[in-house]
Amino acid sequence: MSSAEDSVVVKRMCSAVSRGSNSTTHLWWEGSISEVCGPLHCAQVSIAKVLLGVVGVGAVVTLIAVPMSLFLNEGEKRSTRSFTLEDAFNSSLKPKSVSMKWISDYEYLNKSGGSVFLQDVVTGASSKLLSKEEFSEKGAYDYQLSADRAYVAFMSNHTKVWRHSFTATYSLYDLKLKQFLEPADIPEETQYFSWAPEGNKLAYVWKNNVYIKTNPSLPSKQVTFNGVENLILNGIPDWVYEASGVEEPHGLGWTEPVFGVDKNSYYLVTSDPDGYKHLHRVVREVATALTSGKWEIIDILKVTADSVWTPQDPNKCLTCAFRGEDCQYNSAYFSHNASFYRLSCSGFDESKKYPLLLDVYAGPCSQKADFIYRVGWSTYLASTEGVIVASFDGRGSGYQGDKLMHAIYKGLGTHEVEDQITAVR
């Protein structure tokens, strides 16, 4: 019997795989794909439930494979040279990607050649929204469009603070009048900026206090007054939170809860009786498990409310055949109602002996062995110095069940070291 439920998009991580390999992410769904469009791998889907899966094992080791990268200068030819130490730290080599921001269920913004274009996925139409000259006028490197598409906040003077946080200067631009608001009434070295999900209200954090504007042309209103550097931080996390896994550089948000249509239910990722994190639907304080097995849900990506599904419908992998062995860490970026999504994935001589370096972290609930593309110290060693770089997830690591993660309880710094030594042997 079919039942009408909200469609839930989640990331999942598996820890029981018969072939025993490194952790792999894949996109899973119940339903069918009706269209795949262009080089963005942007697909229109009819889904009941979309699962982004991550496959792993209880104790896994990953080796660094050096991919081919492109110079940021599009005029340069492809380079197959080895990575240098400078490449690892100055960002001279990066994967070629598409700058994409969904602004509706079928429209997205794409920055190309210094300008920003509005793309319609359904019709294929494209129009210029922001010119390269408008970015240059303020020396801007990025932008944020208001929900009503009336204003743009240009970002300049980026200064990194901690792992994810930064300060920047925000200049407000009126799209109808084609001019900047002078003065913008937003201080330099602003710690965070955000448009409201509707209209053109905005909020920002400056000197550890929160301010709001009900309209870009109106004066700012201070909301908090007790902000003190390194003591009381309103609206932003400090370095401890960032080091503990808080990747968003802010601690405020506009009221937009992820609730079902009936407003009486919500979705929660929590441990099941076997100690694996799974998706639950909570109705009037009663939680019902929607997923199960020896794998874990690690994130809820999207909730929609216009689908009908049956629990018996089989899952099908969308990304298992996508570029095969070359793409083993997949992610998806969905349009507002999940009608479309952008899919992306983030030479060895077996007869020769190579030196081995174990790249260790082993923090609680961390994951070191994965297929995420990154250029860093390990890339340089593997590419240029001929060193095999390996990482191991032992006791205390995340996404493999509560039992393994909590095995270091009251024993920090003991089991982790033992497991790393065992892995090397």
Protein backbone atom coordinates (compact mmCIF):
# COMPACT_ATOMS: atom_id res chain seq x y z
CA MET A 1 0.00 0.00 0.00
CA SER A 2 1.46 3.34 -0.99
CA SER A 3 1.57 6.25 1.39
CA ALA A 4 2.05 9.96 0.89
CA GLU A 5 5.20 11.09 2.66
CA ASP A 6 7.65 13.94 2.44
CA SER A 7 10.51 13.23 0.07
CA VAL A 8 13.77 13.24 2.01
CA VAL A 9 17.21 13.73 0.51
CA VAL A 10 19.98 12.47 2.75
CA LYS A 11 23.63 11.48 2.74
CA ARG A 12 24.33 7.97 3.94
CA MET A 13 27.48 6.07 4.80
CA CYS A 14 27.70 2.28 4.64
CA SER A 15 30.05 0.27 6.80
CA ALA A 16 29.21 -3.27 5.67
CA VAL A 17 30.43 -4.02 2.15
CA SER A 18 31.16 -7.51 0.92
CA ARG A 19 34.08 -6.48 -1.26
CA GLY A 20 35.70 -4.40 1.50
CA SER A 21 37.02 -1.20 -0.07
CA ASN A 22 37.72 2.40 0.78
CA SER A 23 34.83 4.66 1.69
CA THR A 24 32.74 5.60 -1.34
CA THR A 25 29.85 8.03 -1.69
CA HIS A 26 27.03 7.40 -4.12
CA LEU A 27 23.65 8.95 -4.84
CA TRP A 28 20.65 6.64 -4.35
CA TRP A 29 16.95 7.22 -5.02
CA GLU A 30 13.60 5.49 -5.28
CA GLY A 31 11.90 6.52 -8.51
CA SER A 32 13.14 7.34 -12.01
CA ILE A 33 15.21 9.94 -13.80
CA SER A 34 13.38 11.68 -16.59
CA GLU A 35 16.16 13.89 -17.98
CA VAL A 36 19.88 14.42 -17.73
CA CYS A 37 21.19 17.71 -19.09
CA GLY A 38 24.58 18.89 -20.24
CA PRO A 39 28.06 18.84 -18.75
CA LEU A 40 26.81 19.88 -15.32
CA HIS A 41 25.25 16.43 -14.87
CA CYS A 42 22.08 18.30 -13.96
CA ALA A 43 19.16 15.88 -13.92
CA GLN A 44 15.41 16.33 -13.65
CA VAL A 45 14.09 13.67 -11.34
CA SER A 46 10.83 12.22 -10.15
CA ILE A 47 11.73 11.00 -6.69
CA ALA A 48 10.11 9.64 -3.60
CA LYS A 49 13.25 9.45 -1.58
CA VAL A 50 16.83 10.34 -2.57
CA LEU A 51 19.74 8.91 -0.65
CA LEU A 52 23.32 10.04 -1.04
CA GLY A 53 25.26 6.96 0.06
CA VAL A 54 28.73 6.60 1.42
CA VAL A 55 30.20 3.09 1.40
CA GLY A 56 32.92 2.14 3.87
CA VAL A 57 34.23 -0.58 6.17
CA GLY A 58 34.95 -0.81 9.88
CA ALA A 59 38.69 -0.32 9.46
CA VAL A 60 39.74 1.12 6.13
CA VAL A 61 42.90 2.37 4.47
CA THR A 62 43.01 4.80 1.54
CA LEU A 63 45.96 5.57 -0.71
CA ILE A 64 46.52 8.93 -2.36
CA ALA A 65 45.92 8.82 -6.11
CA VAL A 66 47.17 11.86 -8.00
CA PRO A 67 44.59 13.13 -10.52
CA MET A 68 45.19 15.40 -13.46
CA SER A 69 44.34 19.04 -12.68
CA LEU A 70 43.88 22.17 -14.73
CA PHE A 71 45.55 25.51 -14.31
CA LEU A 72 43.15 28.22 -13.22
CA ASN A 73 44.11 30.10 -16.38
CA GLU A 74 41.68 28.64 -18.92
CA GLY A 75 44.07 29.55 -21.72
CA GLU A 76 46.70 27.12 -20.44
CA LYS A 77 46.88 23.63 -21.88
CA ARG A 78 46.26 20.60 -19.69
CA SER A 79 49.25 19.82 -17.51
CA THR A 80 50.39 16.36 -16.50
CA ARG A 81 53.49 17.48 -14.61
CA SER A 82 54.08 16.49 -11.01
CA PHE A 83 52.75 18.65 -8.21
CA THR A 84 55.29 20.91 -6.52
CA LEU A 85 55.36 21.88 -2.88
CA GLU A 86 54.22 25.37 -3.88
CA ASP A 87 51.16 23.89 -5.63
CA ALA A 88 50.06 22.31 -2.37
CA PHE A 89 49.89 25.63 -0.54
CA ASN A 90 49.28 28.47 -3.03
CA SER A 91 46.18 27.04 -4.78
CA SER A 92 47.78 27.43 -8.22
CA LEU A 93 46.16 24.14 -9.27
CA LYS A 94 42.49 23.48 -8.67
CA PRO A 95 39.88 21.17 -10.22
CA LYS A 96 37.89 22.90 -12.95
CA SER A 97 34.32 23.31 -11.71
CA VAL A 98 31.12 25.23 -12.36
CA SER A 99 30.10 28.11 -10.10
CA MET A 100 26.43 27.38 -9.50
CA LYS A 101 23.76 28.76 -7.14
CA TRP A 102 20.14 27.59 -7.33
CA ILE A 103 17.65 30.46 -6.96
CA SER A 104 14.45 28.53 -7.79
CA ASP A 105 13.42 25.01 -8.68
CA TYR A 106 14.55 25.47 -12.30
CA GLU A 107 16.88 28.50 -12.36
CA TYR A 108 20.46 28.90 -11.22
CA LEU A 109 23.21 31.51 -11.36
CA ASN A 110 26.51 30.66 -13.04
CA LYS A 111 29.63 32.80 -12.83
CA SER A 112 31.72 32.59 -15.99
CA GLY A 113 34.36 34.90 -17.40
CA GLY A 114 33.93 37.28 -14.48
CA SER A 115 30.20 37.82 -15.13
CA VAL A 116 27.13 36.13 -13.62
CA PHE A 117 24.48 34.56 -15.86
CA LEU A 118 20.93 33.46 -15.06
CA GLN A 119 20.32 29.98 -16.52
CA ASP A 120 16.93 28.34 -17.07
CA VAL A 121 17.22 24.54 -16.90
CA VAL A 122 13.84 23.94 -18.57
CA THR A 123 14.15 26.27 -21.57
CA GLY A 124 17.93 26.49 -21.76
CA ALA A 125 17.71 30.31 -21.85
CA SER A 126 20.61 32.35 -20.50
CA SER A 127 20.83 36.05 -19.61
CA LYS A 128 23.52 38.19 -17.99
CA LEU A 129 22.63 39.32 -14.46
CA LEU A 130 25.91 40.88 -13.29
CA SER A 131 28.78 42.15 -15.40
CA LYS A 132 32.50 41.80 -14.87
CA GLU A 133 32.72 45.59 -14.59
CA GLU A 134 30.31 45.63 -11.64
CA PHE A 135 32.58 43.18 -9.79
CA SER A 136 35.64 45.26 -10.66
CA GLU A 137 34.09 48.50 -9.37
CA LYS A 138 34.27 47.17 -5.80
CA GLY A 139 37.08 44.67 -6.27
CA ALA A 140 34.57 41.94 -5.42
CA TYR A 141 35.35 38.23 -5.50
CA ASP A 142 31.86 36.86 -4.76
CA TYR A 143 28.21 37.89 -4.46
CA GLN A 144 24.90 37.09 -2.75
CA LEU A 145 21.52 37.74 -4.43
CA SER A 146 18.51 38.72 -2.31
CA ALA A 147 15.49 36.40 -2.38
CA ASP A 148 13.37 38.93 -4.30
CA ARG A 149 16.19 39.41 -6.85
CA ALA A 150 16.18 43.15 -6.24
CA TYR A 151 19.58 43.56 -4.59
CA VAL A 152 23.05 42.03 -4.67
CA ALA A 153 25.65 42.05 -1.91
CA PHE A 154 29.14 42.15 -3.47
CA MET A 155 31.88 40.67 -1.26
CA SER A 156 35.43 42.06 -1.19
CA ASN A 157 38.47 42.26 1.12
CA HIS A 158 38.24 38.63 2.22
CA THR A 159 40.31 37.91 5.34
CA LYS A 160 40.42 34.40 6.77
CA VAL A 161 39.97 34.07 10.55
CA TRP A 162 39.79 30.40 11.54
CA ARG A 163 39.22 27.19 9.61
CA HIS A 164 35.95 28.31 7.97
CA SER A 165 35.26 31.83 9.26
CA PHE A 166 36.35 35.05 7.60
CA THR A 167 35.65 38.78 7.48
CA ALA A 168 34.73 40.73 4.36
CA THR A 169 33.38 44.01 3.06
CA TYR A 170 29.82 43.92 1.67
CA SER A 171 28.63 46.47 -0.92
CA LEU A 172 24.89 46.58 -1.71
CA TYR A 173 23.79 46.97 -5.33
CA ASP A 174 20.31 47.90 -6.61
CA LEU A 175 19.61 45.74 -9.68
CA LYS A 176 16.74 47.93 -10.90
CA LEU A 177 18.63 51.23 -10.67
CA LYS A 178 21.93 49.59 -11.67
CA GLN A 179 23.86 51.39 -8.95
CA PHE A 180 25.48 50.78 -5.58
CA LEU A 181 23.82 52.07 -2.42
CA GLU A 182 26.04 54.77 -0.97
CA PRO A 183 26.73 54.46 1.85
CA ALA A 184 25.87 50.78 2.30
CA ASP A 185 25.75 51.24 6.10
CA ILE A 186 27.51 47.91 6.57
CA PRO A 187 30.91 48.18 8.30
CA GLU A 188 34.13 46.79 6.88
CA GLU A 189 35.44 43.55 8.39
CA THR A 190 31.91 42.21 8.76
CA GLN A 191 32.06 38.72 10.29
CA TYR A 192 28.94 37.31 8.63
CA PHE A 193 26.23 38.44 6.18
CA SER A 194 22.94 36.81 5.19
CA TRP A 195 19.84 37.70 3.17
CA ALA A 196 16.46 36.57 4.51
CA PRO A 197 14.84 33.61 2.65
CA GLU A 198 12.07 35.97 1.49
CA GLY A 199 12.12 39.62 0.41
CA ASN A 200 15.26 41.71 0.97
CA LYS A 201 15.77 41.83 4.73
CA LEU A 202 19.34 41.16 5.78
CA ALA A 203 21.39 40.40 8.88
CA TYR A 204 25.08 40.72 9.60
CA VAL A 205 27.55 40.29 12.45
CA TRP A 206 30.10 42.97 13.29
CA LYS A 207 32.36 43.08 16.34
CA ASN A 208 30.58 40.00 17.71
CA ASN A 209 27.11 41.59 17.67
CA VAL A 210 24.12 40.97 15.39
CA TYR A 211 22.52 43.69 13.26
CA ILE A 212 19.51 43.61 10.93
CA LYS A 213 18.13 45.74 8.11
CA THR A 214 14.46 45.46 7.20
CA ASN A 215 15.36 47.05 3.86
CA PRO A 216 18.79 47.62 2.28
CA SER A 217 18.20 51.39 2.12
CA LEU A 218 17.16 51.71 5.78
CA PRO A 219 19.54 52.13 8.76
CA SER A 220 20.81 49.06 10.60
CA LYS A 221 19.25 48.00 13.89
CA GLN A 222 21.50 46.46 16.53
CA VAL A 223 20.02 43.27 18.02
CA THR A 224 22.67 42.21 20.54
CA PHE A 225 24.89 44.47 22.65
CA ASN A 226 27.07 42.20 24.79
CA GLY A 227 29.56 40.94 22.22
CA VAL A 228 33.13 40.70 23.50
CA GLU A 229 36.07 39.41 21.46
CA ASN A 230 37.08 35.86 22.45
CA LEU A 231 34.48 35.86 25.22
CA ILE A 232 30.92 36.46 23.95
CA LEU A 233 30.34 35.89 20.24
CA ASN A 234 26.81 36.51 18.94
CA GLY A 235 25.86 34.96 15.61
CA ILE A 236 29.24 33.36 14.87
CA PRO A 237 31.16 30.36 16.26
CA ASP A 238 34.58 30.60 17.86
CA TRP A 239 37.61 28.52 16.88
CA VAL A 240 36.66 25.68 19.24
CA TYR A 241 33.37 25.05 17.40
CA GLU A 242 35.08 25.23 14.01
CA ALA A 243 37.75 22.76 15.13
CA SER A 244 35.01 20.46 16.44
CA GLY A 245 33.25 20.10 13.10
CA VAL A 246 31.07 23.23 12.71
CA GLU A 247 31.75 24.02 9.05
CA GLU A 248 29.33 26.94 8.69
CA PRO A 249 30.99 30.26 9.67
CA HIS A 250 27.89 31.54 11.44
CA GLY A 251 25.65 30.88 14.42
CA LEU A 252 22.45 32.56 13.29
CA GLY A 253 19.72 31.69 10.83
CA TRP A 254 16.37 32.88 9.57
CA THR A 255 13.31 30.98 10.78
CA GLU A 256 12.74 28.31 8.15
CA PRO A 257 12.27 24.94 9.90
CA VAL A 258 12.40 21.64 8.01
CA PHE A 259 8.87 20.42 8.80
CA GLY A 260 6.44 18.22 6.91
CA VAL A 261 3.37 19.66 5.24
CA ASP A 262 1.17 18.92 8.25
CA LYS A 263 3.57 20.93 10.47
CA ASN A 264 3.31 18.17 13.08
CA SER A 265 6.29 16.11 11.96
CA TYR A 266 9.99 16.50 11.43
CA TYR A 267 12.97 14.36 10.50
CA LEU A 268 15.79 13.40 12.82
CA VAL A 269 19.05 11.50 12.36
CA THR A 270 19.68 9.45 15.49
CA SER A 271 21.11 6.08 16.52
CA ASP A 272 19.05 2.92 16.12
CA PRO A 273 19.17 -0.02 18.61
CA ASP A 274 22.25 -1.38 16.79
CA GLY A 275 24.14 1.89 17.17
CA TYR A 276 23.96 3.14 13.58
CA LYS A 277 22.75 6.65 12.71
CA HIS A 278 19.52 6.43 10.70
CA LEU A 279 16.71 8.65 9.47
CA HIS A 280 13.62 8.85 11.67
CA ARG A 281 10.32 10.64 11.19
CA VAL A 282 8.99 12.15 14.41
CA VAL A 283 5.23 12.66 14.74
CA ARG A 284 3.91 13.92 18.08
CA GLU A 285 7.12 12.85 19.84
CA VAL A 286 6.95 9.31 18.41
CA ALA A 287 9.94 8.44 16.18
CA THR A 288 9.62 5.92 13.34
CA ALA A 289 12.76 4.66 11.61
CA LEU A 290 12.75 5.18 7.83
CA THR A 291 16.12 3.58 7.13
CA SER A 292 18.05 0.70 8.66
CA GLY A 293 21.18 -1.38 8.17
CA LYS A 294 24.91 -1.35 8.88
CA TRP A 295 25.50 2.05 7.33
CA GLU A 296 24.84 5.59 8.52
CA ILE A 297 22.94 8.70 7.49
CA ILE A 298 25.30 11.65 7.79
CA ASP A 299 23.15 14.54 6.55
CA ILE A 300 19.65 15.58 5.42
CA LEU A 301 20.03 17.45 2.14
CA LYS A 302 16.45 18.20 1.12
CA VAL A 303 12.85 17.64 2.26
CA THR A 304 10.00 17.93 -0.25
CA ALA A 305 6.33 17.11 0.17
CA ASP A 306 4.77 16.17 -3.15
CA SER A 307 5.63 12.50 -3.57
CA VAL A 308 4.08 9.10 -3.05
CA TRP A 309 6.25 6.11 -2.25
CA THR A 310 6.13 2.59 -0.91
CA PRO A 311 8.66 1.26 1.61
CA GLN A 312 9.08 -1.82 -0.60
CA ASP A 313 10.42 0.19 -3.55
CA PRO A 314 14.07 -0.80 -4.15
CA ASN A 315 16.85 1.74 -4.01
CA LYS A 316 18.85 2.27 -7.19
CA CYS A 317 22.32 3.76 -7.37
CA LEU A 318 22.49 6.86 -9.58
CA THR A 319 26.24 7.29 -9.44
CA CYS A 320 27.77 3.81 -9.34
CA ALA A 321 28.32 3.89 -13.12
CA PHE A 322 29.28 7.57 -13.21
CA ARG A 323 32.94 7.67 -14.34
CA GLY A 324 33.53 4.32 -12.63
CA GLU A 325 36.71 4.07 -10.56
CA ASP A 326 37.60 7.72 -11.22
CA CYS A 327 34.70 9.08 -9.17
CA GLN A 328 34.15 7.45 -5.82
CA TYR A 329 33.07 10.42 -3.67
CA ASN A 330 29.84 11.89 -5.03
CA SER A 331 27.71 14.81 -3.91
CA ALA A 332 24.54 16.46 -5.17
CA TYR A 333 23.23 20.04 -5.05
CA PHE A 334 19.43 20.17 -5.40
CA SER A 335 17.15 22.89 -6.72
CA HIS A 336 14.55 24.32 -4.34
CA ASN A 337 11.97 21.54 -4.80
CA ALA A 338 14.46 18.84 -5.83
CA SER A 339 13.19 18.71 -9.42
CA PHE A 340 16.77 19.16 -10.63
CA TYR A 341 20.18 18.52 -9.15
CA ARG A 342 23.81 19.06 -9.98
CA LEU A 343 25.92 15.94 -9.56
CA SER A 344 29.65 16.20 -8.89
CA CYS A 345 32.39 14.04 -7.54
CA SER A 346 34.83 15.34 -5.62
CA GLY A 347 50.37 5.95 -12.30
CA PHE A 348 51.56 3.25 -9.91
CA ASP A 349 54.25 0.55 -10.51
CA GLU A 350 53.30 -2.55 -8.50
CA SER A 351 56.73 -4.13 -9.00
CA LYS A 352 58.55 -1.28 -7.27
CA LYS A 353 58.94 -0.64 -3.55
CA TYR A 354 57.86 2.76 -2.23
CA PRO A 355 58.28 4.46 1.15
CA LEU A 356 55.07 4.63 3.20
CA LEU A 357 53.85 7.62 5.21
CA LEU A 358 50.85 7.19 7.50
CA ASP A 359 48.81 10.41 7.51
CA VAL A 360 47.19 10.35 10.96
CA TYR A 361 44.39 12.36 12.55
CA ALA A 362 42.24 9.91 14.57
CA GLY A 363 40.05 12.57 16.19
CA PRO A 364 36.76 11.41 17.73
CA CYS A 365 34.04 10.90 15.09
CA SER A 366 36.45 11.85 12.31
CA GLN A 367 36.99 10.21 8.92
CA LYS A 368 40.39 10.26 7.27
CA ALA A 369 40.04 7.50 4.66
CA ASP A 370 37.84 8.85 1.87
CA PHE A 371 37.79 9.71 -1.83
CA ILE A 372 37.34 13.49 -1.51
CA TYR A 373 39.47 15.35 -4.07
CA ARG A 374 41.98 17.67 -2.45
CA VAL A 375 45.43 19.06 -3.23
CA GLY A 376 47.80 19.27 -0.29
CA TRP A 377 50.97 17.99 1.33
CA SER A 378 50.02 14.37 0.67
CA THR A 379 49.44 15.11 -3.03
CA TYR A 380 52.91 16.60 -3.32
CA LEU A 381 54.54 13.61 -1.61
CA ALA A 382 52.70 11.05 -3.75
CA SER A 383 53.21 12.93 -7.02
CA THR A 384 56.75 14.24 -6.76
CA GLU A 385 58.56 12.32 -4.04
CA GLY A 386 57.20 8.86 -4.87
CA VAL A 387 55.80 8.31 -1.38
CA ILE A 388 52.70 6.21 -0.69
CA VAL A 389 50.50 8.15 1.71
CA ALA A 390 47.98 6.08 3.65
CA SER A 391 45.26 6.95 6.14
CA PHE A 392 43.46 4.63 8.52
CA ASP A 393 40.14 4.92 10.39
CA GLY A 394 40.25 2.79 13.52
CA ARG A 395 38.45 2.87 16.85
CA GLY A 396 36.94 6.25 17.65
CA SER A 397 36.38 7.20 14.00
CA GLY A 398 32.95 8.18 12.74
CA TYR A 399 30.25 6.90 10.37
CA GLN A 400 30.79 3.23 11.20
CA GLY A 401 28.38 2.85 14.10
CA ASP A 402 28.29 3.99 17.72
CA LYS A 403 30.12 0.90 18.98
CA LEU A 404 33.30 1.70 17.07
CA MET A 405 33.03 5.45 17.68
CA HIS A 406 32.59 5.10 21.46
CA ALA A 407 35.27 2.41 21.82
CA ILE A 408 37.67 5.13 23.02
CA TYR A 409 35.38 6.23 25.87
CA LYS A 410 37.55 7.05 28.91
CA GLY A 411 40.58 6.03 26.87
CA LEU A 412 41.44 8.91 24.56
CA GLY A 413 44.87 8.55 23.03
CA THR A 414 45.24 4.80 23.64
CA HIS A 415 43.20 2.70 21.22
CA GLU A 416 43.72 5.22 18.41
CA VAL A 417 47.50 4.82 18.61
CA GLU A 418 47.27 1.03 18.88
CA ASP A 419 45.09 0.83 15.76
CA GLN A 420 47.41 3.05 13.73
CA ILE A 421 50.36 0.78 14.64
CA THR A 422 48.32 -2.30 13.73
CA ALA A 423 47.42 -0.78 10.36
CA VAL A 424 51.08 -0.17 9.49
CA ARG A 425 52.03 -3.72 10.41
